Amino acid sequence: MSHSDPSFHLFLELPLELREEIWRYCLPHRVRELDTPLAQNVFEPEYEYGSLLPCNLQGTTFANGLPPVLTRVCLESRKVARETGALQLPASSETADLVWEADSLRKQDWEDRAREDRARESVHLHWTYIYGADFESSGRPLDYLVLRAVSVAAGSSFMAKYIDSRFDWAGEAARASETEQTLQPETLRDLEALRKLPSLQVVVRVIVVHCDFKAAAKSGLFGLLGDARVQIVDVRDENRVVDRYLAFAEACEQQGSIAVNQDFRRELVAVTRRKLKDLIMGTYGCPILAATARPAIMFRLCTKMCNQLPVRSRQAERGGRRTRYPRGSRGL
């Protein structure tokens, strides 16, 4: 190894135990999506109904569920990856134990069952009540999230729109609601499930990063090898990691012609904690839950560059075509 060549050529001469630890260090820390997201549900009401959307999300979900890169490097790395990981089999054999079933439920993704200090996986629920218009379902989705979360030490998350899909994260006030309202039985069951979660992380925004795989891996934001395509980042004041993701996502959109501009305003991040607290208090009237809930942004890596305008569209844009902007962001 020299200053001109940063490669390390003596890896095979290291003791086997040390090589295996290095392989384990390279395994992705993933957010495993329990169900398939629908772009029109994820991005509403940030974008007007019927407008173009920045991504269809399907490519990221598929790539995020594939076996990690280490399963394709060599026999030694594959062995390490399979110590705790495997493709999750369809859930038909355990249907009797499921507390929730839906057509959107993902049933064959890579699953890393490492526990405790080696835990590398968290679980996320996309489902909100709006999904019921597109998918058949039965049971309770939050109970299913709890069931999966207790077996994953790294945490769990769900969408803020599950609580109230009409809540506007772009700056409008939350719906008025009495703090000491009489909760309906269904709401009480949801509250009971939320209290069981080992961590209460609530996704308030979704941003898609469109860039090539090499640039994403080099950034280190989506795993050491770029195979952790979904990341959920806390937006607490003391956590500045979210700024790195926002800056990277914004820089990627400055390359080429973009069909739909996303909103990267930092001030939106600053208000999410207060808004989430107001939403929880208005819905559940639970101060403890409002104090422990952690607002977060989901960043999704899409290497298909589906937000890039084709050549003809670029020519039309130069001739006066305007790019669609998120509601409330124009002029900023």
C-alpha atoms as a PDB file:
ATOM      1  CA  MET A   1       0.000   0.000   0.000  1.00  0.00           C
ATOM      2  CA  SER A   2       1.313   3.463  -0.938  1.00  0.00           C
ATOM      3  CA  HIS A   3       0.034   7.026  -1.048  1.00  0.00           C
ATOM      4  CA  SER A   4      -0.762   6.586  -4.736  1.00  0.00           C
ATOM      5  CA  ASP A   5      -2.424   3.185  -4.244  1.00  0.00           C
ATOM      6  CA  PRO A   6      -4.826   3.084  -1.247  1.00  0.00           C
ATOM      7  CA  SER A   7      -5.644  -0.600  -1.815  1.00  0.00           C
ATOM      8  CA  PHE A   8      -4.718  -3.125   0.875  1.00  0.00           C
ATOM      9  CA  HIS A   9      -3.138  -6.204  -0.729  1.00  0.00           C
ATOM     10  CA  LEU A  10      -2.438  -8.315   2.365  1.00  0.00           C
ATOM     11  CA  PHE A  11      -6.031  -9.082   3.380  1.00  0.00           C
ATOM     12  CA  LEU A  12      -5.681 -12.826   2.736  1.00  0.00           C
ATOM     13  CA  GLU A  13      -2.657 -12.956   5.057  1.00  0.00           C
ATOM     14  CA  LEU A  14      -4.709 -11.740   8.026  1.00  0.00           C
ATOM     15  CA  PRO A  15      -5.934 -14.353  10.543  1.00  0.00           C
ATOM     16  CA  LEU A  16      -9.284 -15.900   9.619  1.00  0.00           C
ATOM     17  CA  GLU A  17     -10.965 -14.488  12.742  1.00  0.00           C
ATOM     18  CA  LEU A  18      -9.928 -10.953  11.822  1.00  0.00           C
ATOM     19  CA  ARG A  19     -11.039 -11.361   8.207  1.00  0.00           C
ATOM     20  CA  GLU A  20     -14.448 -12.559   9.358  1.00  0.00           C
ATOM     21  CA  GLU A  21     -14.824  -9.546  11.660  1.00  0.00           C
ATOM     22  CA  ILE A  22     -14.023  -7.260   8.735  1.00  0.00           C
ATOM     23  CA  TRP A  23     -16.664  -8.987   6.631  1.00  0.00           C
ATOM     24  CA  ARG A  24     -19.205  -8.576   9.428  1.00  0.00           C
ATOM     25  CA  TYR A  25     -18.327  -4.891   9.692  1.00  0.00           C
ATOM     26  CA  CYS A  26     -19.206  -4.507   5.994  1.00  0.00           C
ATOM     27  CA  LEU A  27     -22.683  -6.038   6.352  1.00  0.00           C
ATOM     28  CA  PRO A  28     -25.426  -3.448   5.771  1.00  0.00           C
ATOM     29  CA  HIS A  29     -27.483  -1.887   8.557  1.00  0.00           C
ATOM     30  CA  ARG A  30     -30.848  -1.986   6.866  1.00  0.00           C
ATOM     31  CA  VAL A  31     -34.396  -0.804   7.332  1.00  0.00           C
ATOM     32  CA  ARG A  32     -36.498  -3.805   6.325  1.00  0.00           C
ATOM     33  CA  GLU A  33     -39.792  -2.685   4.824  1.00  0.00           C
ATOM     34  CA  LEU A  34     -42.621  -4.890   6.037  1.00  0.00           C
ATOM     35  CA  ASP A  35     -44.955  -3.802   3.242  1.00  0.00           C
ATOM     36  CA  THR A  36     -44.765  -2.180  -0.181  1.00  0.00           C
ATOM     37  CA  PRO A  37     -45.113   1.623  -0.328  1.00  0.00           C
ATOM     38  CA  LEU A  38     -47.411   3.345  -2.810  1.00  0.00           C
ATOM     39  CA  ALA A  39     -45.934   6.583  -4.135  1.00  0.00           C
ATOM     40  CA  GLN A  40     -49.281   8.369  -4.340  1.00  0.00           C
ATOM     41  CA  ASN A  41     -49.917   7.644  -0.660  1.00  0.00           C
ATOM     42  CA  VAL A  42     -46.373   8.393   0.529  1.00  0.00           C
ATOM     43  CA  PHE A  43     -46.059  11.778  -1.194  1.00  0.00           C
ATOM     44  CA  GLU A  44     -49.579  13.112  -0.687  1.00  0.00           C
ATOM     45  CA  PRO A  45     -50.339  15.850   0.314  1.00  0.00           C
ATOM     46  CA  GLU A  46     -46.836  17.217  -0.379  1.00  0.00           C
ATOM     47  CA  TYR A  47     -47.642  17.061  -4.096  1.00  0.00           C
ATOM     48  CA  GLU A  48     -50.991  17.922  -5.601  1.00  0.00           C
ATOM     49  CA  TYR A  49     -53.222  15.033  -6.591  1.00  0.00           C
ATOM     50  CA  GLY A  50     -52.497  13.910 -10.149  1.00  0.00           C
ATOM     51  CA  SER A  51     -49.147  15.714 -10.394  1.00  0.00           C
ATOM     52  CA  LEU A  52     -45.851  14.080 -11.246  1.00  0.00           C
ATOM     53  CA  LEU A  53     -44.084  12.341  -8.358  1.00  0.00           C
ATOM     54  CA  PRO A  54     -40.301  12.192  -7.778  1.00  0.00           C
ATOM     55  CA  CYS A  55     -40.173   8.373  -7.725  1.00  0.00           C
ATOM     56  CA  ASN A  56     -42.429   5.315  -7.874  1.00  0.00           C
ATOM     57  CA  LEU A  57     -40.443   3.808  -4.925  1.00  0.00           C
ATOM     58  CA  GLN A  58     -40.742   0.230  -6.208  1.00  0.00           C
ATOM     59  CA  GLY A  59     -37.146  -0.085  -7.431  1.00  0.00           C
ATOM     60  CA  THR A  60     -35.735   0.928  -4.063  1.00  0.00           C
ATOM     61  CA  THR A  61     -37.984  -1.483  -2.166  1.00  0.00           C
ATOM     62  CA  PHE A  62     -36.952  -4.384  -4.421  1.00  0.00           C
ATOM     63  CA  ALA A  63     -33.207  -3.604  -4.213  1.00  0.00           C
ATOM     64  CA  ASN A  64     -33.366  -3.058  -0.455  1.00  0.00           C
ATOM     65  CA  GLY A  65     -34.716  -6.590   0.031  1.00  0.00           C
ATOM     66  CA  LEU A  66     -32.018  -8.347  -1.989  1.00  0.00           C
ATOM     67  CA  PRO A  67     -29.172 -10.299  -0.323  1.00  0.00           C
ATOM     68  CA  PRO A  68     -26.283  -7.981   0.633  1.00  0.00           C
ATOM     69  CA  VAL A  69     -23.281  -7.455  -1.633  1.00  0.00           C
ATOM     70  CA  LEU A  70     -21.128  -9.723   0.563  1.00  0.00           C
ATOM     71  CA  THR A  71     -23.120 -12.760  -0.579  1.00  0.00           C
ATOM     72  CA  ARG A  72     -21.592 -12.239  -4.031  1.00  0.00           C
ATOM     73  CA  VAL A  73     -17.952 -11.433  -3.163  1.00  0.00           C
ATOM     74  CA  CYS A  74     -16.435 -14.814  -2.242  1.00  0.00           C
ATOM     75  CA  LEU A  75     -17.196 -18.004  -0.335  1.00  0.00           C
ATOM     76  CA  GLU A  76     -15.770 -16.588   2.882  1.00  0.00           C
ATOM     77  CA  SER A  77     -17.858 -13.400   2.823  1.00  0.00           C
ATOM     78  CA  ARG A  78     -20.967 -15.351   1.808  1.00  0.00           C
ATOM     79  CA  LYS A  79     -20.505 -17.670   4.786  1.00  0.00           C
ATOM     80  CA  VAL A  80     -20.309 -14.703   7.154  1.00  0.00           C
ATOM     81  CA  ALA A  81     -23.399 -13.067   5.645  1.00  0.00           C
ATOM     82  CA  ARG A  82     -25.384 -16.286   6.046  1.00  0.00           C
ATOM     83  CA  GLU A  83     -24.459 -16.721   9.705  1.00  0.00           C
ATOM     84  CA  THR A  84     -27.439 -14.550  10.667  1.00  0.00           C
ATOM     85  CA  GLY A  85     -29.045 -13.687   7.319  1.00  0.00           C
ATOM     86  CA  ALA A  86     -31.300 -15.532   4.899  1.00  0.00           C
ATOM     87  CA  LEU A  87     -34.160 -14.918   2.511  1.00  0.00           C
ATOM     88  CA  GLN A  88     -37.356 -14.765   4.507  1.00  0.00           C
ATOM     89  CA  LEU A  89     -39.734 -17.476   3.304  1.00  0.00           C
ATOM     90  CA  PRO A  90     -43.347 -16.652   2.437  1.00  0.00           C
ATOM     91  CA  ALA A  91     -45.475 -16.444   5.558  1.00  0.00           C
ATOM     92  CA  SER A  92     -48.063 -19.019   4.458  1.00  0.00           C
ATOM     93  CA  SER A  93     -46.759 -21.555   6.977  1.00  0.00           C
ATOM     94  CA  GLU A  94     -47.275 -19.142   9.872  1.00  0.00           C
ATOM     95  CA  THR A  95     -50.563 -17.578   8.811  1.00  0.00           C
ATOM     96  CA  ALA A  96     -52.238 -18.722  12.007  1.00  0.00           C
ATOM     97  CA  ASP A  97     -49.746 -16.649  14.022  1.00  0.00           C
ATOM     98  CA  LEU A  98     -50.066 -13.463  11.963  1.00  0.00           C
ATOM     99  CA  VAL A  99     -51.947 -10.600  13.584  1.00  0.00           C
ATOM    100  CA  TRP A 100     -52.201  -8.721  10.284  1.00  0.00           C
ATOM    101  CA  GLU A 101     -52.416  -9.802   6.655  1.00  0.00           C
ATOM    102  CA  ALA A 102     -52.493  -7.557   3.583  1.00  0.00           C
ATOM    103  CA  ASP A 103     -51.888  -7.847  -0.138  1.00  0.00           C
ATOM    104  CA  SER A 104     -49.052  -5.320   0.221  1.00  0.00           C
ATOM    105  CA  LEU A 105     -47.217  -7.391   2.843  1.00  0.00           C
ATOM    106  CA  ARG A 106     -43.700  -8.335   1.723  1.00  0.00           C
ATOM    107  CA  LYS A 107     -42.977 -12.017   2.224  1.00  0.00           C
ATOM    108  CA  GLN A 108     -39.615 -12.750   0.658  1.00  0.00           C
ATOM    109  CA  ASP A 109     -36.841 -10.285   1.502  1.00  0.00           C
ATOM    110  CA  TRP A 110     -33.406 -10.756   3.008  1.00  0.00           C
ATOM    111  CA  GLU A 111     -33.660 -10.882   6.789  1.00  0.00           C
ATOM    112  CA  ASP A 112     -30.759 -10.404   9.196  1.00  0.00           C
ATOM    113  CA  ARG A 113     -31.557 -12.002  12.549  1.00  0.00           C
ATOM    114  CA  ALA A 114     -28.452 -10.780  14.388  1.00  0.00           C
ATOM    115  CA  ARG A 115     -29.413  -9.729  17.916  1.00  0.00           C
ATOM    116  CA  GLU A 116     -28.294  -7.443  20.705  1.00  0.00           C
ATOM    117  CA  ASP A 117     -24.997  -5.625  20.088  1.00  0.00           C
ATOM    118  CA  ARG A 118     -24.697  -7.052  16.568  1.00  0.00           C
ATOM    119  CA  ALA A 119     -28.202  -6.095  15.477  1.00  0.00           C
ATOM    120  CA  ARG A 120     -28.109  -4.610  11.980  1.00  0.00           C
ATOM    121  CA  GLU A 121     -31.772  -4.413  11.057  1.00  0.00           C
ATOM    122  CA  SER A 122     -34.827  -2.387  11.958  1.00  0.00           C
ATOM    123  CA  VAL A 123     -38.368  -2.788  10.607  1.00  0.00           C
ATOM    124  CA  HIS A 124     -40.673  -0.209   9.056  1.00  0.00           C
ATOM    125  CA  LEU A 125     -44.415  -0.126   8.382  1.00  0.00           C
ATOM    126  CA  HIS A 126     -45.653   1.946   5.422  1.00  0.00           C
ATOM    127  CA  TRP A 127     -49.330   1.121   5.897  1.00  0.00           C
ATOM    128  CA  THR A 128     -51.848   3.871   6.654  1.00  0.00           C
ATOM    129  CA  TYR A 129     -55.626   3.625   6.487  1.00  0.00           C
ATOM    130  CA  ILE A 130     -55.506   5.103   2.955  1.00  0.00           C
ATOM    131  CA  TYR A 131     -53.886   1.859   1.721  1.00  0.00           C
ATOM    132  CA  GLY A 132     -57.163   0.075   2.371  1.00  0.00           C
ATOM    133  CA  ALA A 133     -58.508   1.539  -0.876  1.00  0.00           C
ATOM    134  CA  ASP A 134     -55.876  -0.369  -2.887  1.00  0.00           C
ATOM    135  CA  PHE A 135     -55.153  -3.514  -0.850  1.00  0.00           C
ATOM    136  CA  GLU A 136     -57.239  -6.123   0.920  1.00  0.00           C
ATOM    137  CA  SER A 137     -56.265  -6.476   4.568  1.00  0.00           C
ATOM    138  CA  SER A 138     -57.330  -8.047   7.836  1.00  0.00           C
ATOM    139  CA  GLY A 139     -56.088  -7.679  11.379  1.00  0.00           C
ATOM    140  CA  ARG A 140     -54.136  -4.829  12.949  1.00  0.00           C
ATOM    141  CA  PRO A 141     -50.971  -3.469  11.261  1.00  0.00           C
ATOM    142  CA  LEU A 142     -49.496  -1.903  14.407  1.00  0.00           C
ATOM    143  CA  ASP A 143     -49.779  -5.235  16.216  1.00  0.00           C
ATOM    144  CA  TYR A 144     -47.868  -6.820  13.341  1.00  0.00           C
ATOM    145  CA  LEU A 145     -45.195  -4.125  13.616  1.00  0.00           C
ATOM    146  CA  VAL A 146     -44.825  -4.879  17.323  1.00  0.00           C
ATOM    147  CA  LEU A 147     -44.584  -8.611  16.597  1.00  0.00           C
ATOM    148  CA  ARG A 148     -41.716  -8.038  14.148  1.00  0.00           C
ATOM    149  CA  ALA A 149     -40.047  -5.333  16.226  1.00  0.00           C
ATOM    150  CA  VAL A 150     -39.586  -7.434  19.358  1.00  0.00           C
ATOM    151  CA  SER A 151     -37.349  -9.797  17.382  1.00  0.00           C
ATOM    152  CA  VAL A 152     -35.200  -6.963  16.005  1.00  0.00           C
ATOM    153  CA  ALA A 153     -33.060  -5.149  18.559  1.00  0.00           C
ATOM    154  CA  ALA A 154     -32.195  -2.246  16.222  1.00  0.00           C
ATOM    155  CA  GLY A 155     -35.636  -0.619  16.366  1.00  0.00           C
ATOM    156  CA  SER A 156     -38.851   0.031  14.459  1.00  0.00           C
ATOM    157  CA  SER A 157     -40.696   2.837  12.713  1.00  0.00           C
ATOM    158  CA  PHE A 158     -43.974   3.718  11.018  1.00  0.00           C
ATOM    159  CA  MET A 159     -45.463   6.605   9.056  1.00  0.00           C
ATOM    160  CA  ALA A 160     -46.838   9.691  10.781  1.00  0.00           C
ATOM    161  CA  LYS A 161     -49.723   9.522   8.327  1.00  0.00           C
ATOM    162  CA  TYR A 162     -50.868   6.365  10.093  1.00  0.00           C
ATOM    163  CA  ILE A 163     -51.941   8.613  12.964  1.00  0.00           C
ATOM    164  CA  ASP A 164     -53.580  11.191  10.738  1.00  0.00           C
ATOM    165  CA  SER A 165     -52.990  11.301   6.991  1.00  0.00           C
ATOM    166  CA  ARG A 166     -54.469  14.789   6.814  1.00  0.00           C
ATOM    167  CA  PHE A 167     -51.647  16.215   8.914  1.00  0.00           C
ATOM    168  CA  ASP A 168     -49.664  18.699   6.768  1.00  0.00           C
ATOM    169  CA  TRP A 169     -45.915  18.493   7.400  1.00  0.00           C
ATOM    170  CA  ALA A 170     -45.226  21.431   5.057  1.00  0.00           C
ATOM    171  CA  GLY A 171     -46.205  24.042   7.592  1.00  0.00           C
ATOM    172  CA  GLU A 172     -49.964  24.093   8.164  1.00  0.00           C
ATOM    173  CA  ALA A 173     -51.416  23.590  11.620  1.00  0.00           C
ATOM    174  CA  ALA A 174     -52.480  20.184  12.841  1.00  0.00           C
ATOM    175  CA  ARG A 175     -56.166  19.418  13.125  1.00  0.00           C
ATOM    176  CA  ALA A 176     -57.730  20.674  16.330  1.00  0.00           C
ATOM    177  CA  SER A 177     -58.574  18.000  18.853  1.00  0.00           C
ATOM    178  CA  GLU A 178     -59.351  17.868  22.559  1.00  0.00           C
ATOM    179  CA  THR A 179     -56.468  16.509  24.636  1.00  0.00           C
ATOM    180  CA  GLU A 180     -58.767  14.702  27.023  1.00  0.00           C
ATOM    181  CA  GLN A 181     -61.049  13.301  24.375  1.00  0.00           C
ATOM    182  CA  THR A 182     -62.819  10.000  24.807  1.00  0.00           C
ATOM    183  CA  LEU A 183     -60.751   7.559  22.770  1.00  0.00           C
ATOM    184  CA  GLN A 184     -62.487   5.011  20.598  1.00  0.00           C
ATOM    185  CA  PRO A 185     -61.668   1.297  21.188  1.00  0.00           C
ATOM    186  CA  GLU A 186     -59.649   1.103  17.954  1.00  0.00           C
ATOM    187  CA  THR A 187     -57.580   4.134  18.977  1.00  0.00           C
ATOM    188  CA  LEU A 188     -56.967   2.656  22.413  1.00  0.00           C
ATOM    189  CA  ARG A 189     -55.696  -0.571  20.843  1.00  0.00           C
ATOM    190  CA  ASP A 190     -53.335   1.426  18.637  1.00  0.00           C
ATOM    191  CA  LEU A 191     -52.078   3.315  21.671  1.00  0.00           C
ATOM    192  CA  GLU A 192     -51.502   0.045  23.514  1.00  0.00           C
ATOM    193  CA  ALA A 193     -49.483  -1.295  20.578  1.00  0.00           C
ATOM    194  CA  LEU A 194     -47.387   1.880  20.314  1.00  0.00           C
ATOM    195  CA  ARG A 195     -46.448   1.611  23.980  1.00  0.00           C
ATOM    196  CA  LYS A 196     -45.029  -1.873  23.336  1.00  0.00           C
ATOM    197  CA  LEU A 197     -42.574  -0.749  20.670  1.00  0.00           C
ATOM    198  CA  PRO A 198     -38.948  -0.825  21.849  1.00  0.00           C
ATOM    199  CA  SER A 199     -38.417   2.529  20.113  1.00  0.00           C
ATOM    200  CA  LEU A 200     -40.966   4.952  18.746  1.00  0.00           C
ATOM    201  CA  GLN A 201     -39.584   6.399  15.519  1.00  0.00           C
ATOM    202  CA  VAL A 202     -42.125   8.181  13.311  1.00  0.00           C
ATOM    203  CA  VAL A 203     -41.354   9.026   9.670  1.00  0.00           C
ATOM    204  CA  VAL A 204     -42.674  12.490   8.860  1.00  0.00           C
ATOM    205  CA  ARG A 205     -41.113  12.933   5.407  1.00  0.00           C
ATOM    206  CA  VAL A 206     -39.734  10.785   2.583  1.00  0.00           C
ATOM    207  CA  ILE A 207     -36.927  12.000   0.306  1.00  0.00           C
ATOM    208  CA  VAL A 208     -35.608   9.997  -2.644  1.00  0.00           C
ATOM    209  CA  VAL A 209     -31.935  10.305  -3.572  1.00  0.00           C
ATOM    210  CA  HIS A 210     -31.364   9.630  -7.268  1.00  0.00           C
ATOM    211  CA  CYS A 211     -27.732   8.855  -8.071  1.00  0.00           C
ATOM    212  CA  ASP A 212     -25.601   6.031  -9.427  1.00  0.00           C
ATOM    213  CA  PHE A 213     -24.543   3.138  -7.214  1.00  0.00           C
ATOM    214  CA  LYS A 214     -20.849   4.102  -7.155  1.00  0.00           C
ATOM    215  CA  ALA A 215     -21.520   7.633  -5.906  1.00  0.00           C
ATOM    216  CA  ALA A 216     -23.937   6.351  -3.266  1.00  0.00           C
ATOM    217  CA  ALA A 217     -21.424   3.786  -1.964  1.00  0.00           C
ATOM    218  CA  LYS A 218     -18.666   6.420  -1.887  1.00  0.00           C
ATOM    219  CA  SER A 219     -20.830   8.732   0.213  1.00  0.00           C
ATOM    220  CA  GLY A 220     -21.116   6.115   2.976  1.00  0.00           C
ATOM    221  CA  LEU A 221     -24.704   7.210   3.641  1.00  0.00           C
ATOM    222  CA  PHE A 222     -26.293   4.000   2.383  1.00  0.00           C
ATOM    223  CA  GLY A 223     -23.985   1.412   3.911  1.00  0.00           C
ATOM    224  CA  LEU A 224     -20.279   0.823   3.337  1.00  0.00           C
ATOM    225  CA  LEU A 225     -21.092  -0.993   0.091  1.00  0.00           C
ATOM    226  CA  GLY A 226     -24.176   0.989  -0.933  1.00  0.00           C
ATOM    227  CA  ASP A 227     -26.584  -1.906  -0.308  1.00  0.00           C
ATOM    228  CA  ALA A 228     -28.609  -0.332   2.510  1.00  0.00           C
ATOM    229  CA  ARG A 229     -30.983   1.520   0.192  1.00  0.00           C
ATOM    230  CA  VAL A 230     -33.389   2.803   2.860  1.00  0.00           C
ATOM    231  CA  GLN A 231     -32.236   4.921   5.785  1.00  0.00           C
ATOM    232  CA  ILE A 232     -34.329   6.488   8.553  1.00  0.00           C
ATOM    233  CA  VAL A 233     -32.636   9.438  10.247  1.00  0.00           C
ATOM    234  CA  ASP A 234     -33.740  11.191  13.435  1.00  0.00           C
ATOM    235  CA  VAL A 235     -34.320  14.923  13.115  1.00  0.00           C
ATOM    236  CA  ARG A 236     -33.625  15.795  16.738  1.00  0.00           C
ATOM    237  CA  ASP A 237     -31.841  19.114  17.184  1.00  0.00           C
ATOM    238  CA  GLU A 238     -28.630  17.506  18.418  1.00  0.00           C
ATOM    239  CA  ASN A 239     -28.486  15.152  15.452  1.00  0.00           C
ATOM    240  CA  ARG A 240     -26.779  16.818  12.481  1.00  0.00           C
ATOM    241  CA  VAL A 241     -26.551  13.641  10.399  1.00  0.00           C
ATOM    242  CA  VAL A 242     -29.777  14.602   8.654  1.00  0.00           C
ATOM    243  CA  ASP A 243     -27.984  17.643   7.192  1.00  0.00           C
ATOM    244  CA  ARG A 244     -25.505  15.361   5.422  1.00  0.00           C
ATOM    245  CA  TYR A 245     -28.332  13.383   3.824  1.00  0.00           C
ATOM    246  CA  LEU A 246     -30.210  16.522   2.802  1.00  0.00           C
ATOM    247  CA  ALA A 247     -27.081  18.070   1.296  1.00  0.00           C
ATOM    248  CA  PHE A 248     -26.255  14.890  -0.633  1.00  0.00           C
ATOM    249  CA  ALA A 249     -29.822  14.529  -1.933  1.00  0.00           C
ATOM    250  CA  GLU A 250     -29.886  18.159  -3.028  1.00  0.00           C
ATOM    251  CA  ALA A 251     -26.502  17.873  -4.757  1.00  0.00           C
ATOM    252  CA  CYS A 252     -27.723  14.839  -6.705  1.00  0.00           C
ATOM    253  CA  GLU A 253     -30.705  16.790  -8.012  1.00  0.00           C
ATOM    254  CA  GLN A 254     -28.423  19.509  -9.360  1.00  0.00           C
ATOM    255  CA  GLN A 255     -26.954  17.056 -11.848  1.00  0.00           C
ATOM    256  CA  GLY A 256     -28.954  16.855 -15.068  1.00  0.00           C
ATOM    257  CA  SER A 257     -32.563  17.883 -15.689  1.00  0.00           C
ATOM    258  CA  ILE A 258     -35.020  16.972 -12.935  1.00  0.00           C
ATOM    259  CA  ALA A 259     -38.656  16.144 -13.616  1.00  0.00           C
ATOM    260  CA  VAL A 260     -39.894  16.892 -10.088  1.00  0.00           C
ATOM    261  CA  ASN A 261     -37.989  18.994  -7.582  1.00  0.00           C
ATOM    262  CA  GLN A 262     -38.130  17.781  -3.994  1.00  0.00           C
ATOM    263  CA  ASP A 263     -38.175  20.104  -0.996  1.00  0.00           C
ATOM    264  CA  PHE A 264     -34.933  20.201   1.036  1.00  0.00           C
ATOM    265  CA  ARG A 265     -35.683  23.192   3.240  1.00  0.00           C
ATOM    266  CA  ARG A 266     -34.003  22.868   6.652  1.00  0.00           C
ATOM    267  CA  GLU A 267     -36.798  24.809   8.348  1.00  0.00           C
ATOM    268  CA  LEU A 268     -39.170  21.924   7.635  1.00  0.00           C
ATOM    269  CA  VAL A 269     -36.905  19.723   9.738  1.00  0.00           C
ATOM    270  CA  ALA A 270     -36.953  22.191  12.621  1.00  0.00           C
ATOM    271  CA  VAL A 271     -40.735  22.149  13.077  1.00  0.00           C
ATOM    272  CA  THR A 272     -41.376  18.416  12.841  1.00  0.00           C
ATOM    273  CA  ARG A 273     -40.785  17.631  16.523  1.00  0.00           C
ATOM    274  CA  ARG A 274     -43.373  20.146  17.735  1.00  0.00           C
ATOM    275  CA  LYS A 275     -45.857  19.117  15.062  1.00  0.00           C
ATOM    276  CA  LEU A 276     -45.499  15.422  15.861  1.00  0.00           C
ATOM    277  CA  LYS A 277     -46.058  16.136  19.556  1.00  0.00           C
ATOM    278  CA  ASP A 278     -49.207  18.125  18.732  1.00  0.00           C
ATOM    279  CA  LEU A 279     -50.474  15.331  16.488  1.00  0.00           C
ATOM    280  CA  ILE A 280     -49.958  12.628  19.125  1.00  0.00           C
ATOM    281  CA  MET A 281     -51.559  14.727  21.842  1.00  0.00           C
ATOM    282  CA  GLY A 282     -54.497  15.556  19.575  1.00  0.00           C
ATOM    283  CA  THR A 283     -55.037  11.910  18.630  1.00  0.00           C
ATOM    284  CA  TYR A 284     -54.126   9.963  21.780  1.00  0.00           C
ATOM    285  CA  GLY A 285     -53.883  12.580  24.537  1.00  0.00           C
ATOM    286  CA  CYS A 286     -50.801  10.756  25.886  1.00  0.00           C
ATOM    287  CA  PRO A 287     -47.977  13.046  27.192  1.00  0.00           C
ATOM    288  CA  ILE A 288     -45.536  10.146  27.661  1.00  0.00           C
ATOM    289  CA  LEU A 289     -45.984   9.001  24.083  1.00  0.00           C
ATOM    290  CA  ALA A 290     -45.644  12.576  22.817  1.00  0.00           C
ATOM    291  CA  ALA A 291     -42.402  13.015  24.754  1.00  0.00           C
ATOM    292  CA  THR A 292     -40.777   9.760  23.611  1.00  0.00           C
ATOM    293  CA  ALA A 293     -41.786   9.770  19.935  1.00  0.00           C
ATOM    294  CA  ARG A 294     -38.843  10.595  17.659  1.00  0.00           C
ATOM    295  CA  PRO A 295     -39.586  12.302  14.322  1.00  0.00           C
ATOM    296  CA  ALA A 296     -37.472  11.064  11.429  1.00  0.00           C
ATOM    297  CA  ILE A 297     -36.949  11.441   7.681  1.00  0.00           C
ATOM    298  CA  MET A 298     -36.740   8.426   5.393  1.00  0.00           C
ATOM    299  CA  PHE A 299     -34.079   8.679   2.685  1.00  0.00           C
ATOM    300  CA  ARG A 300     -34.384   6.220  -0.197  1.00  0.00           C
ATOM    301  CA  LEU A 301     -31.630   5.520  -2.731  1.00  0.00           C
ATOM    302  CA  CYS A 302     -32.897   5.014  -6.297  1.00  0.00           C
ATOM    303  CA  THR A 303     -30.204   4.203  -8.862  1.00  0.00           C
ATOM    304  CA  LYS A 304     -32.687   3.982 -11.745  1.00  0.00           C
ATOM    305  CA  MET A 305     -32.539   7.786 -12.135  1.00  0.00           C
ATOM    306  CA  CYS A 306     -36.285   7.784 -12.746  1.00  0.00           C
ATOM    307  CA  ASN A 307     -36.526  11.482 -11.856  1.00  0.00           C
ATOM    308  CA  GLN A 308     -34.300  12.475 -14.788  1.00  0.00           C
ATOM    309  CA  LEU A 309     -36.023  13.995 -17.785  1.00  0.00           C
ATOM    310  CA  PRO A 310     -35.401  12.211 -21.111  1.00  0.00           C
ATOM    311  CA  VAL A 311     -33.663  14.161 -23.866  1.00  0.00           C
ATOM    312  CA  ARG A 312     -36.903  15.286 -25.544  1.00  0.00           C
ATOM    313  CA  SER A 313     -38.297  16.535 -22.244  1.00  0.00           C
ATOM    314  CA  ARG A 314     -35.082  18.446 -21.572  1.00  0.00           C
ATOM    315  CA  GLN A 315     -35.433  20.205 -24.909  1.00  0.00           C
ATOM    316  CA  ALA A 316     -39.040  21.073 -24.107  1.00  0.00           C
ATOM    317  CA  GLU A 317     -37.983  22.360 -20.697  1.00  0.00           C
ATOM    318  CA  ARG A 318     -35.422  24.653 -22.299  1.00  0.00           C
ATOM    319  CA  GLY A 319     -38.188  25.959 -24.507  1.00  0.00           C
ATOM    320  CA  GLY A 320     -40.190  27.172 -21.530  1.00  0.00           C
ATOM    321  CA  ARG A 321     -41.539  24.087 -19.780  1.00  0.00           C
ATOM    322  CA  ARG A 322     -41.537  24.546 -16.024  1.00  0.00           C
ATOM    323  CA  THR A 323     -40.673  21.911 -13.459  1.00  0.00           C
ATOM    324  CA  ARG A 324     -43.345  20.994 -10.940  1.00  0.00           C
ATOM    325  CA  TYR A 325     -42.571  21.985  -7.355  1.00  0.00           C
ATOM    326  CA  PRO A 326     -43.917  20.711  -4.049  1.00  0.00           C
ATOM    327  CA  ARG A 327     -46.813  22.707  -2.697  1.00  0.00           C
ATOM    328  CA  GLY A 328     -45.629  25.657  -0.631  1.00  0.00           C
ATOM    329  CA  SER A 329     -41.987  25.515  -1.757  1.00  0.00           C
ATOM    330  CA  ARG A 330     -42.092  27.829  -4.793  1.00  0.00           C
ATOM    331  CA  GLY A 331     -40.195  31.066  -4.305  1.00  0.00           C
ATOM    332  CA  LEU A 332     -37.941  29.695  -1.546  1.00  0.00           C
END
